[in-house]
Amino acid sequence: MPGMEEMGRVLLIMGGLIVLLGFLLILGGKIPFLGKLPGDIHIQRDNFSCVFPLATCLLLSLLLTIVLNIILRLIHR
């Protein structure tokens, strides 16, 4: 059937990305500076705590953009 090879490639790539994301989630808690960058917002009150890792999100977004662009350039050659 035409198009099945392309669908297979897409499924393999998506599976690989899911595995990579799983490893990042497992190892994410062991990276000491993750979530404690200057720019991450921490609010603590008596019975309330709120954390918004703004700088960490921006850094991870930049790294993922670079990595995915490299992967896509290698695939399309």
PDB file of N, CA and C in Angstrom:
ATOM      1  N   MET A   1       0.842  -1.167   0.000  1.00  0.00           N
ATOM      2  CA  MET A   1       0.000   0.000   0.000  1.00  0.00           C
ATOM      3  C   MET A   1       0.897   1.243   0.000  1.00  0.00           C
ATOM      4  N   PRO A   2       0.589   2.187  -0.837  1.00  0.00           N
ATOM      5  CA  PRO A   2       1.399   3.402  -0.861  1.00  0.00           C
ATOM      6  C   PRO A   2       1.183   4.239   0.398  1.00  0.00           C
ATOM      7  N   GLY A   3       2.261   4.815   0.879  1.00  0.00           N
ATOM      8  CA  GLY A   3       2.179   5.668   2.056  1.00  0.00           C
ATOM      9  C   GLY A   3       2.420   4.952   3.365  1.00  0.00           C
ATOM     10  N   MET A   4       2.457   3.629   3.344  1.00  0.00           N
ATOM     11  CA  MET A   4       2.670   2.882   4.590  1.00  0.00           C
ATOM     12  C   MET A   4       4.099   3.023   5.088  1.00  0.00           C
ATOM     13  N   GLU A   5       5.059   3.149   4.169  1.00  0.00           N
ATOM     14  CA  GLU A   5       6.448   3.326   4.586  1.00  0.00           C
ATOM     15  C   GLU A   5       6.616   4.657   5.322  1.00  0.00           C
ATOM     16  N   GLU A   6       5.985   5.683   4.793  1.00  0.00           N
ATOM     17  CA  GLU A   6       6.065   7.001   5.434  1.00  0.00           C
ATOM     18  C   GLU A   6       5.395   6.966   6.808  1.00  0.00           C
ATOM     19  N   MET A   7       4.264   6.287   6.903  1.00  0.00           N
ATOM     20  CA  MET A   7       3.568   6.160   8.185  1.00  0.00           C
ATOM     21  C   MET A   7       4.430   5.390   9.184  1.00  0.00           C
ATOM     22  N   GLY A   8       5.133   4.368   8.719  1.00  0.00           N
ATOM     23  CA  GLY A   8       6.031   3.609   9.585  1.00  0.00           C
ATOM     24  C   GLY A   8       7.158   4.476  10.124  1.00  0.00           C
ATOM     25  N   ARG A   9       7.731   5.311   9.265  1.00  0.00           N
ATOM     26  CA  ARG A   9       8.798   6.219   9.711  1.00  0.00           C
ATOM     27  C   ARG A   9       8.287   7.192  10.762  1.00  0.00           C
ATOM     28  N   VAL A  10       7.116   7.738  10.520  1.00  0.00           N
ATOM     29  CA  VAL A  10       6.548   8.692  11.470  1.00  0.00           C
ATOM     30  C   VAL A  10       6.300   8.019  12.815  1.00  0.00           C
ATOM     31  N   LEU A  11       5.778   6.814  12.801  1.00  0.00           N
ATOM     32  CA  LEU A  11       5.528   6.097  14.054  1.00  0.00           C
ATOM     33  C   LEU A  11       6.817   5.780  14.793  1.00  0.00           C
ATOM     34  N   LEU A  12       7.875   5.402  14.063  1.00  0.00           N
ATOM     35  CA  LEU A  12       9.165   5.139  14.699  1.00  0.00           C
ATOM     36  C   LEU A  12       9.754   6.400  15.322  1.00  0.00           C
ATOM     37  N   ILE A  13       9.656   7.502  14.622  1.00  0.00           N
ATOM     38  CA  ILE A  13      10.175   8.762  15.155  1.00  0.00           C
ATOM     39  C   ILE A  13       9.390   9.184  16.386  1.00  0.00           C
ATOM     40  N   MET A  14       8.072   9.085  16.328  1.00  0.00           N
ATOM     41  CA  MET A  14       7.249   9.456  17.474  1.00  0.00           C
ATOM     42  C   MET A  14       7.542   8.543  18.680  1.00  0.00           C
ATOM     43  N   GLY A  15       7.722   7.258  18.420  1.00  0.00           N
ATOM     44  CA  GLY A  15       8.067   6.332  19.497  1.00  0.00           C
ATOM     45  C   GLY A  15       9.404   6.676  20.126  1.00  0.00           C
ATOM     46  N   GLY A  16      10.379   7.022  19.296  1.00  0.00           N
ATOM     47  CA  GLY A  16      11.686   7.416  19.809  1.00  0.00           C
ATOM     48  C   GLY A  16      11.607   8.679  20.640  1.00  0.00           C
ATOM     49  N   LEU A  17      10.791   9.627  20.205  1.00  0.00           N
ATOM     50  CA  LEU A  17      10.632  10.864  20.971  1.00  0.00           C
ATOM     51  C   LEU A  17       9.948  10.607  22.308  1.00  0.00           C
ATOM     52  N   ILE A  18       8.997   9.683  22.331  1.00  0.00           N
ATOM     53  CA  ILE A  18       8.326   9.343  23.586  1.00  0.00           C
ATOM     54  C   ILE A  18       9.301   8.673  24.552  1.00  0.00           C
ATOM     55  N   VAL A  19      10.157   7.786  24.027  1.00  0.00           N
ATOM     56  CA  VAL A  19      11.168   7.144  24.876  1.00  0.00           C
ATOM     57  C   VAL A  19      12.140   8.184  25.418  1.00  0.00           C
ATOM     58  N   LEU A  20      12.587   9.109  24.564  1.00  0.00           N
ATOM     59  CA  LEU A  20      13.495  10.167  24.993  1.00  0.00           C
ATOM     60  C   LEU A  20      12.847  11.040  26.057  1.00  0.00           C
ATOM     61  N   LEU A  21      11.586  11.381  25.871  1.00  0.00           N
ATOM     62  CA  LEU A  21      10.870  12.171  26.861  1.00  0.00           C
ATOM     63  C   LEU A  21      10.760  11.423  28.193  1.00  0.00           C
ATOM     64  N   GLY A  22      10.543  10.124  28.133  1.00  0.00           N
ATOM     65  CA  GLY A  22      10.490   9.318  29.354  1.00  0.00           C
ATOM     66  C   GLY A  22      11.806   9.345  30.109  1.00  0.00           C
ATOM     67  N   PHE A  23      12.926   9.216  29.382  1.00  0.00           N
ATOM     68  CA  PHE A  23      14.238   9.293  30.033  1.00  0.00           C
ATOM     69  C   PHE A  23      14.472  10.668  30.634  1.00  0.00           C
ATOM     70  N   LEU A  24      14.053  11.714  29.934  1.00  0.00           N
ATOM     71  CA  LEU A  24      14.217  13.063  30.473  1.00  0.00           C
ATOM     72  C   LEU A  24      13.402  13.256  31.747  1.00  0.00           C
ATOM     73  N   LEU A  25      12.201  12.702  31.790  1.00  0.00           N
ATOM     74  CA  LEU A  25      11.380  12.821  32.994  1.00  0.00           C
ATOM     75  C   LEU A  25      11.966  12.035  34.157  1.00  0.00           C
ATOM     76  N   ILE A  26      12.552  10.886  33.862  1.00  0.00           N
ATOM     77  CA  ILE A  26      13.171  10.084  34.919  1.00  0.00           C
ATOM     78  C   ILE A  26      14.408  10.772  35.469  1.00  0.00           C
ATOM     79  N   LEU A  27      15.240  11.309  34.570  1.00  0.00           N
ATOM     80  CA  LEU A  27      16.496  11.926  34.995  1.00  0.00           C
ATOM     81  C   LEU A  27      16.341  13.394  35.358  1.00  0.00           C
ATOM     82  N   GLY A  28      15.201  13.997  35.087  1.00  0.00           N
ATOM     83  CA  GLY A  28      15.005  15.421  35.334  1.00  0.00           C
ATOM     84  C   GLY A  28      15.148  15.817  36.791  1.00  0.00           C
ATOM     85  N   GLY A  29      14.738  14.986  37.707  1.00  0.00           N
ATOM     86  CA  GLY A  29      14.852  15.295  39.126  1.00  0.00           C
ATOM     87  C   GLY A  29      16.266  15.205  39.654  1.00  0.00           C
ATOM     88  N   LYS A  30      17.150  14.585  38.894  1.00  0.00           N
ATOM     89  CA  LYS A  30      18.532  14.415  39.347  1.00  0.00           C
ATOM     90  C   LYS A  30      19.459  15.512  38.846  1.00  0.00           C
ATOM     91  N   ILE A  31      18.942  16.426  38.022  1.00  0.00           N
ATOM     92  CA  ILE A  31      19.735  17.559  37.562  1.00  0.00           C
ATOM     93  C   ILE A  31      19.567  18.666  38.599  1.00  0.00           C
ATOM     94  N   PRO A  32      20.664  19.063  39.276  1.00  0.00           N
ATOM     95  CA  PRO A  32      20.521  19.944  40.448  1.00  0.00           C
ATOM     96  C   PRO A  32      20.002  21.344  40.145  1.00  0.00           C
ATOM     97  N   PHE A  33      20.343  21.938  39.011  1.00  0.00           N
ATOM     98  CA  PHE A  33      19.940  23.313  38.743  1.00  0.00           C
ATOM     99  C   PHE A  33      18.571  23.418  38.096  1.00  0.00           C
ATOM    100  N   LEU A  34      17.986  22.308  37.689  1.00  0.00           N
ATOM    101  CA  LEU A  34      16.706  22.330  36.994  1.00  0.00           C
ATOM    102  C   LEU A  34      15.596  22.760  37.951  1.00  0.00           C
ATOM    103  N   GLY A  35      14.947  23.875  37.658  1.00  0.00           N
ATOM    104  CA  GLY A  35      13.898  24.404  38.510  1.00  0.00           C
ATOM    105  C   GLY A  35      14.391  25.397  39.534  1.00  0.00           C
ATOM    106  N   LYS A  36      15.698  25.676  39.542  1.00  0.00           N
ATOM    107  CA  LYS A  36      16.263  26.607  40.510  1.00  0.00           C
ATOM    108  C   LYS A  36      17.095  27.690  39.828  1.00  0.00           C
ATOM    109  N   LEU A  37      16.774  27.981  38.574  1.00  0.00           N
ATOM    110  CA  LEU A  37      17.492  29.018  37.847  1.00  0.00           C
ATOM    111  C   LEU A  37      17.003  30.392  38.283  1.00  0.00           C
ATOM    112  N   PRO A  38      17.872  31.421  38.142  1.00  0.00           N
ATOM    113  CA  PRO A  38      17.403  32.775  38.468  1.00  0.00           C
ATOM    114  C   PRO A  38      16.391  33.235  37.417  1.00  0.00           C
ATOM    115  N   GLY A  39      15.194  33.346  37.743  1.00  0.00           N
ATOM    116  CA  GLY A  39      14.120  33.655  36.806  1.00  0.00           C
ATOM    117  C   GLY A  39      12.944  32.714  37.033  1.00  0.00           C
ATOM    118  N   ASP A  40      13.181  31.660  37.793  1.00  0.00           N
ATOM    119  CA  ASP A  40      12.103  30.766  38.193  1.00  0.00           C
ATOM    120  C   ASP A  40      11.370  31.409  39.372  1.00  0.00           C
ATOM    121  N   ILE A  41      10.066  31.355  39.347  1.00  0.00           N
ATOM    122  CA  ILE A  41       9.250  32.040  40.349  1.00  0.00           C
ATOM    123  C   ILE A  41       8.821  31.051  41.427  1.00  0.00           C
ATOM    124  N   HIS A  42       9.142  31.372  42.693  1.00  0.00           N
ATOM    125  CA  HIS A  42       8.759  30.556  43.845  1.00  0.00           C
ATOM    126  C   HIS A  42       7.972  31.445  44.810  1.00  0.00           C
ATOM    127  N   ILE A  43       6.753  31.034  45.116  1.00  0.00           N
ATOM    128  CA  ILE A  43       5.926  31.769  46.074  1.00  0.00           C
ATOM    129  C   ILE A  43       5.561  30.803  47.192  1.00  0.00           C
ATOM    130  N   GLN A  44       5.902  31.176  48.435  1.00  0.00           N
ATOM    131  CA  GLN A  44       5.566  30.338  49.587  1.00  0.00           C
ATOM    132  C   GLN A  44       4.858  31.178  50.634  1.00  0.00           C
ATOM    133  N   ARG A  45       3.742  30.686  51.088  1.00  0.00           N
ATOM    134  CA  ARG A  45       2.973  31.296  52.179  1.00  0.00           C
ATOM    135  C   ARG A  45       2.809  30.244  53.264  1.00  0.00           C
ATOM    136  N   ASP A  46       1.961  30.499  54.215  1.00  0.00           N
ATOM    137  CA  ASP A  46       1.768  29.574  55.330  1.00  0.00           C
ATOM    138  C   ASP A  46       1.336  28.186  54.855  1.00  0.00           C
ATOM    139  N   ASN A  47       0.206  28.109  54.173  1.00  0.00           N
ATOM    140  CA  ASN A  47      -0.315  26.819  53.718  1.00  0.00           C
ATOM    141  C   ASN A  47      -0.363  26.730  52.199  1.00  0.00           C
ATOM    142  N   PHE A  48       0.488  27.469  51.532  1.00  0.00           N
ATOM    143  CA  PHE A  48       0.423  27.558  50.080  1.00  0.00           C
ATOM    144  C   PHE A  48       1.832  27.641  49.511  1.00  0.00           C
ATOM    145  N   SER A  49       2.034  26.908  48.437  1.00  0.00           N
ATOM    146  CA  SER A  49       3.319  26.955  47.746  1.00  0.00           C
ATOM    147  C   SER A  49       3.060  26.873  46.248  1.00  0.00           C
ATOM    148  N   CYS A  50       3.685  27.771  45.490  1.00  0.00           N
ATOM    149  CA  CYS A  50       3.505  27.810  44.047  1.00  0.00           C
ATOM    150  C   CYS A  50       4.870  27.981  43.390  1.00  0.00           C
ATOM    151  N   VAL A  51       5.154  27.136  42.409  1.00  0.00           N
ATOM    152  CA  VAL A  51       6.420  27.203  41.695  1.00  0.00           C
ATOM    153  C   VAL A  51       6.126  27.299  40.206  1.00  0.00           C
ATOM    154  N   PHE A  52       6.706  28.294  39.545  1.00  0.00           N
ATOM    155  CA  PHE A  52       6.590  28.419  38.100  1.00  0.00           C
ATOM    156  C   PHE A  52       7.994  28.577  37.533  1.00  0.00           C
ATOM    157  N   PRO A  53       8.556  27.503  36.970  1.00  0.00           N
ATOM    158  CA  PRO A  53       9.941  27.546  36.478  1.00  0.00           C
ATOM    159  C   PRO A  53      10.043  28.213  35.098  1.00  0.00           C
ATOM    160  N   LEU A  54       9.919  29.532  35.058  1.00  0.00           N
ATOM    161  CA  LEU A  54       9.918  30.275  33.803  1.00  0.00           C
ATOM    162  C   LEU A  54      11.245  30.138  33.053  1.00  0.00           C
ATOM    163  N   ALA A  55      12.360  30.394  33.721  1.00  0.00           N
ATOM    164  CA  ALA A  55      13.673  30.312  33.062  1.00  0.00           C
ATOM    165  C   ALA A  55      13.987  28.878  32.643  1.00  0.00           C
ATOM    166  N   THR A  56      13.615  27.916  33.451  1.00  0.00           N
ATOM    167  CA  THR A  56      13.845  26.514  33.104  1.00  0.00           C
ATOM    168  C   THR A  56      13.041  26.127  31.868  1.00  0.00           C
ATOM    169  N   CYS A  57      11.798  26.580  31.782  1.00  0.00           N
ATOM    170  CA  CYS A  57      10.967  26.286  30.609  1.00  0.00           C
ATOM    171  C   CYS A  57      11.564  26.900  29.348  1.00  0.00           C
ATOM    172  N   LEU A  58      12.047  28.122  29.450  1.00  0.00           N
ATOM    173  CA  LEU A  58      12.663  28.767  28.289  1.00  0.00           C
ATOM    174  C   LEU A  58      13.931  28.043  27.850  1.00  0.00           C
ATOM    175  N   LEU A  59      14.747  27.627  28.808  1.00  0.00           N
ATOM    176  CA  LEU A  59      15.978  26.905  28.490  1.00  0.00           C
ATOM    177  C   LEU A  59      15.674  25.556  27.839  1.00  0.00           C
ATOM    178  N   LEU A  60      14.727  24.809  28.387  1.00  0.00           N
ATOM    179  CA  LEU A  60      14.356  23.519  27.809  1.00  0.00           C
ATOM    180  C   LEU A  60      13.738  23.681  26.426  1.00  0.00           C
ATOM    181  N   SER A  61      12.954  24.725  26.233  1.00  0.00           N
ATOM    182  CA  SER A  61      12.361  24.986  24.930  1.00  0.00           C
ATOM    183  C   SER A  61      13.441  25.265  23.888  1.00  0.00           C
ATOM    184  N   LEU A  62      14.429  26.052  24.250  1.00  0.00           N
ATOM    185  CA  LEU A  62      15.531  26.348  23.342  1.00  0.00           C
ATOM    186  C   LEU A  62      16.310  25.085  22.991  1.00  0.00           C
ATOM    187  N   LEU A  63      16.629  24.274  24.000  1.00  0.00           N
ATOM    188  CA  LEU A  63      17.379  23.041  23.748  1.00  0.00           C
ATOM    189  C   LEU A  63      16.592  22.063  22.885  1.00  0.00           C
ATOM    190  N   LEU A  64      15.307  21.896  23.160  1.00  0.00           N
ATOM    191  CA  LEU A  64      14.490  20.985  22.365  1.00  0.00           C
ATOM    192  C   LEU A  64      14.322  21.478  20.933  1.00  0.00           C
ATOM    193  N   THR A  65      14.220  22.776  20.742  1.00  0.00           N
ATOM    194  CA  THR A  65      14.121  23.329  19.394  1.00  0.00           C
ATOM    195  C   THR A  65      15.383  23.033  18.597  1.00  0.00           C
ATOM    196  N   ILE A  66      16.532  23.220  19.215  1.00  0.00           N
ATOM    197  CA  ILE A  66      17.800  22.942  18.531  1.00  0.00           C
ATOM    198  C   ILE A  66      17.923  21.466  18.191  1.00  0.00           C
ATOM    199  N   VAL A  67      17.629  20.600  19.154  1.00  0.00           N
ATOM    200  CA  VAL A  67      17.760  19.158  18.934  1.00  0.00           C
ATOM    201  C   VAL A  67      16.791  18.682  17.851  1.00  0.00           C
ATOM    202  N   LEU A  68      15.542  19.119  17.902  1.00  0.00           N
ATOM    203  CA  LEU A  68      14.569  18.684  16.902  1.00  0.00           C
ATOM    204  C   LEU A  68      14.900  19.220  15.512  1.00  0.00           C
ATOM    205  N   ASN A  69      15.433  20.433  15.420  1.00  0.00           N
ATOM    206  CA  ASN A  69      15.845  20.955  14.119  1.00  0.00           C
ATOM    207  C   ASN A  69      16.988  20.144  13.531  1.00  0.00           C
ATOM    208  N   ILE A  70      17.934  19.741  14.370  1.00  0.00           N
ATOM    209  CA  ILE A  70      19.044  18.911  13.893  1.00  0.00           C
ATOM    210  C   ILE A  70      18.525  17.562  13.415  1.00  0.00           C
ATOM    211  N   ILE A  71      17.627  16.956  14.191  1.00  0.00           N
ATOM    212  CA  ILE A  71      17.076  15.650  13.806  1.00  0.00           C
ATOM    213  C   ILE A  71      16.307  15.758  12.487  1.00  0.00           C
ATOM    214  N   LEU A  72      15.492  16.777  12.342  1.00  0.00           N
ATOM    215  CA  LEU A  72      14.700  16.929  11.117  1.00  0.00           C
ATOM    216  C   LEU A  72      15.590  17.210   9.906  1.00  0.00           C
ATOM    217  N   ARG A  73      16.672  17.953  10.087  1.00  0.00           N
ATOM    218  CA  ARG A  73      17.597  18.186   8.970  1.00  0.00           C
ATOM    219  C   ARG A  73      18.288  16.894   8.554  1.00  0.00           C
ATOM    220  N   LEU A  74      18.613  16.037   9.530  1.00  0.00           N
ATOM    221  CA  LEU A  74      19.243  14.752   9.192  1.00  0.00           C
ATOM    222  C   LEU A  74      18.271  13.818   8.484  1.00  0.00           C
ATOM    223  N   ILE A  75      17.010  13.866   8.842  1.00  0.00           N
ATOM    224  CA  ILE A  75      16.005  13.001   8.227  1.00  0.00           C
ATOM    225  C   ILE A  75      15.731  13.403   6.791  1.00  0.00           C
ATOM    226  N   HIS A  76      15.696  14.696   6.520  1.00  0.00           N
ATOM    227  CA  HIS A  76      15.318  15.178   5.194  1.00  0.00           C
ATOM    228  C   HIS A  76      16.474  15.206   4.197  1.00  0.00           C
ATOM    229  N   ARG A  77      17.632  14.676   4.546  1.00  0.00           N
ATOM    230  CA  ARG A  77      18.751  14.627   3.594  1.00  0.00           C
ATOM    231  C   ARG A  77      18.642  13.444   2.689  1.00  0.00           C
TER     232      ARG A  77
END
